[in-house]
């Protein structure tokens, strides 16, 4: 696994080989960033943004964001082994000062002390997890998003989620057996 573009282009990042976490494929990551950078439907750029990488695993999305000029990334992950790899990746790239790691389940966070607001939210929960929708609602209620923001959700193609009226889909793209949903809070 490697970083695709930006100041760390080509740098290898450590990842896990297990059944608990699934790394975001390079091709899917590349397509997400192409849409963020070139879509007329989305008015957000990674450069100078604040990113929340939820269910981050080893952090490949957030690492790519830092490489492409993001100000700061907050990683949320509960798996101890994934966190160890993430920490090693941050140290090897010398970007600890641009990152914050929260070891927690998303469900356990209340964001009451969250001072920063985010421009880009990346949700990559386990495909069987349906609770992530409640976590989206919680983020909306806590108002930790900038007015100009985008939410990127990675899901299995055959999953069908019903989002509440608080969420507006902007675009959906299919990549093999997965899909990427782009949306924003109303």
Protein backbone atom coordinates (compact mmCIF):
# COMPACT_ATOMS: atom_id res chain seq x y z
CA UNK A 1 0.00 0.00 0.00
CA UNK A 2 1.30 3.45 -0.87
CA UNK A 3 0.39 7.12 -0.88
CA UNK A 4 -0.88 8.07 -4.32
CA UNK A 5 -0.21 11.79 -4.64
CA UNK A 6 1.12 14.90 -2.94
CA UNK A 7 4.28 15.49 -0.96
CA UNK A 8 4.48 11.83 0.16
CA UNK A 9 3.67 10.37 -3.27
CA UNK A 10 4.96 6.82 -3.61
CA UNK A 11 5.76 6.38 0.10
CA UNK A 12 4.76 2.97 1.39
CA UNK A 13 2.47 2.78 4.37
CA UNK A 14 2.09 -0.12 6.75
CA UNK A 15 -1.20 -1.97 6.76
CA UNK A 16 -2.80 -4.96 8.46
CA UNK A 17 -3.42 -8.32 6.89
CA UNK A 18 -6.39 -9.59 8.86
CA UNK A 19 -10.13 -10.08 8.66
CA UNK A 20 -11.01 -7.29 11.11
CA UNK A 21 -9.96 -4.32 9.00
CA UNK A 22 -9.96 -3.89 5.25
CA UNK A 23 -7.62 -1.36 3.70
CA UNK A 24 -9.10 1.12 1.27
CA UNK A 25 -7.83 0.09 -2.16
CA UNK A 26 -5.53 2.51 -3.97
CA UNK A 27 -7.89 2.68 -6.94
CA UNK A 28 -10.90 3.58 -4.76
CA UNK A 29 -8.87 6.17 -2.86
CA UNK A 30 -7.64 7.66 -6.14
CA UNK A 31 -11.20 7.95 -7.43
CA UNK A 32 -12.40 9.63 -4.22
CA UNK A 33 -9.73 12.29 -4.55
CA UNK A 34 -10.43 12.76 -8.25
CA UNK A 35 -14.07 13.47 -7.42
CA UNK A 36 -13.16 15.78 -4.54
CA UNK A 37 -10.78 17.74 -6.75
CA UNK A 38 -12.61 17.80 -10.06
CA UNK A 39 -16.36 17.33 -9.55
CA UNK A 40 -18.69 20.22 -10.28
CA UNK A 41 -21.12 18.73 -7.71
CA UNK A 42 -18.67 19.13 -4.82
CA UNK A 43 -17.19 22.44 -3.75
CA UNK A 44 -14.57 21.22 -1.29
CA UNK A 45 -10.85 20.82 -1.73
CA UNK A 46 -8.55 18.74 0.46
CA UNK A 47 -5.87 21.42 0.64
CA UNK A 48 -6.18 23.45 3.86
CA UNK A 49 -9.13 21.32 5.10
CA UNK A 50 -9.77 19.75 8.48
CA UNK A 51 -10.55 16.06 8.13
CA UNK A 52 -12.35 13.57 10.37
CA UNK A 53 -11.33 10.03 9.38
CA UNK A 54 -13.85 7.85 11.22
CA UNK A 55 -13.30 4.08 11.45
CA UNK A 56 -9.84 4.98 10.17
CA UNK A 57 -8.04 1.65 10.44
CA UNK A 58 -4.42 2.32 9.47
CA UNK A 59 -5.43 5.78 8.26
CA UNK A 60 -4.82 5.52 4.52
CA UNK A 61 -7.46 8.14 3.70
CA UNK A 62 -6.22 10.64 6.28
CA UNK A 63 -2.58 10.06 5.37
CA UNK A 64 -3.44 10.77 1.74
CA UNK A 65 -5.19 13.98 2.85
CA UNK A 66 -2.10 15.20 4.73
CA UNK A 67 0.03 14.38 1.69
CA UNK A 68 -2.33 16.51 -0.42
CA UNK A 69 -2.15 19.55 1.87
CA UNK A 70 -4.83 19.09 4.54
CA UNK A 71 -4.26 21.18 7.69
CA UNK A 72 -5.14 18.48 10.21
CA UNK A 73 -6.63 15.00 10.38
CA UNK A 74 -8.42 13.50 13.36
CA UNK A 75 -8.38 9.70 13.23
CA UNK A 76 -10.95 7.65 15.15
CA UNK A 77 -10.27 3.93 15.52
CA UNK A 78 -10.91 1.28 18.18
CA UNK A 79 -8.74 -1.64 16.98
CA UNK A 80 -5.44 -1.74 18.88
CA UNK A 81 -3.47 -3.36 16.03
CA UNK A 82 -4.71 -0.82 13.49
CA UNK A 83 -3.79 2.00 15.88
CA UNK A 84 -0.23 0.67 16.20
CA UNK A 85 0.17 0.68 12.41
CA UNK A 86 -1.38 4.14 12.19
CA UNK A 87 1.01 5.48 14.83
CA UNK A 88 3.99 3.97 12.95
CA UNK A 89 2.80 5.54 9.70
CA UNK A 90 2.49 8.97 11.35
CA UNK A 91 5.97 8.68 12.85
CA UNK A 92 7.56 7.48 9.59
CA UNK A 93 6.02 10.39 7.68
CA UNK A 94 6.87 12.87 10.49
CA UNK A 95 3.32 14.23 10.64
CA UNK A 96 2.34 13.68 14.27
CA UNK A 97 1.87 17.44 14.70
CA UNK A 98 -0.84 17.48 12.00
CA UNK A 99 -2.80 14.56 13.41
CA UNK A 100 -4.89 13.61 16.38
CA UNK A 101 -5.72 10.00 17.24
CA UNK A 102 -8.80 9.11 19.24
CA UNK A 103 -8.92 5.50 20.42
CA UNK A 104 -12.62 4.84 20.68
CA UNK A 105 -15.70 3.39 19.12
CA UNK A 106 -17.59 6.05 17.22
CA UNK A 107 -20.69 5.20 19.27
CA UNK A 108 -18.87 6.12 22.49
CA UNK A 109 -17.89 9.63 21.40
CA UNK A 110 -20.10 12.59 22.24
CA UNK A 111 -17.90 15.33 20.71
CA UNK A 112 -18.77 17.68 23.59
CA UNK A 113 -15.18 18.98 23.83
CA UNK A 114 -14.67 19.21 20.08
CA UNK A 115 -13.54 22.74 19.24
CA UNK A 116 -12.51 22.29 15.61
CA UNK A 117 -15.02 22.01 12.85
CA UNK A 118 -14.39 19.71 9.92
CA UNK A 119 -14.63 20.24 6.17
CA UNK A 120 -14.33 16.60 5.12
CA UNK A 121 -15.71 13.56 6.92
CA UNK A 122 -14.65 10.10 5.80
CA UNK A 123 -16.70 7.16 7.08
CA UNK A 124 -15.43 3.67 6.33
CA UNK A 125 -17.27 1.46 8.85
CA UNK A 126 -17.40 -2.32 8.62
CA UNK A 127 -19.83 -3.17 5.86
CA UNK A 128 -22.15 -4.97 8.32
CA UNK A 129 -22.30 -1.91 10.61
CA UNK A 130 -25.55 0.05 10.36
CA UNK A 131 -24.87 2.19 13.46
CA UNK A 132 -22.76 4.60 11.47
CA UNK A 133 -25.98 6.38 10.45
CA UNK A 134 -26.63 7.23 14.11
CA UNK A 135 -23.08 8.54 14.32
CA UNK A 136 -23.74 10.80 11.34
CA UNK A 137 -26.83 12.14 13.13
CA UNK A 138 -24.75 12.77 16.25
CA UNK A 139 -22.19 14.77 14.26
CA UNK A 140 -24.95 16.82 12.68
CA UNK A 141 -26.49 17.60 16.10
CA UNK A 142 -23.12 18.55 17.61
CA UNK A 143 -22.50 20.91 14.68
CA UNK A 144 -18.83 20.02 14.28
CA UNK A 145 -18.98 20.62 10.54
CA UNK A 146 -18.18 23.76 8.61
CA UNK A 147 -20.92 25.25 6.46
CA UNK A 148 -18.98 24.12 3.41
CA UNK A 149 -18.34 20.41 4.01
CA UNK A 150 -18.59 16.99 2.41
CA UNK A 151 -19.20 13.54 3.85
CA UNK A 152 -17.66 10.57 2.06
CA UNK A 153 -19.01 7.12 2.96
CA UNK A 154 -17.49 3.84 1.76
CA UNK A 155 -19.98 0.96 1.66
CA UNK A 156 -20.49 -2.43 0.05
CA UNK A 157 -22.43 -2.06 -3.19
CA UNK A 158 -25.35 -4.23 -2.08
CA UNK A 159 -26.02 -2.34 1.16
CA UNK A 160 -29.02 -0.04 1.21
CA UNK A 161 -29.04 2.65 3.86
CA UNK A 162 -31.81 5.08 4.55
CA UNK A 163 -30.50 8.44 5.62
CA UNK A 164 -32.70 10.91 7.44
CA UNK A 165 -33.74 14.30 6.16
CA UNK A 166 -30.58 15.75 7.74
CA UNK A 167 -28.43 14.20 4.98
CA UNK A 168 -28.44 15.06 1.29
CA UNK A 169 -26.73 12.74 -1.19
CA UNK A 170 -24.68 14.65 -3.73
CA UNK A 171 -23.22 11.76 -5.73
CA UNK A 172 -22.72 7.99 -5.64
CA UNK A 173 -19.97 6.14 -7.48
CA UNK A 174 -19.49 2.37 -7.80
CA UNK A 175 -16.05 0.71 -7.79
CA UNK A 176 -16.10 -3.07 -8.09
CA UNK A 177 -17.93 -4.44 -5.04
CA UNK A 178 -18.03 -1.15 -3.18
CA UNK A 179 -19.64 2.24 -3.55
CA UNK A 180 -18.76 5.71 -2.42
CA UNK A 181 -21.55 8.03 -1.30
CA UNK A 182 -20.87 11.76 -1.22
CA UNK A 183 -23.23 13.91 0.77
CA UNK A 184 -23.67 16.83 3.12
CA UNK A 185 -25.79 17.87 6.07
CA UNK A 186 -28.90 19.91 5.35
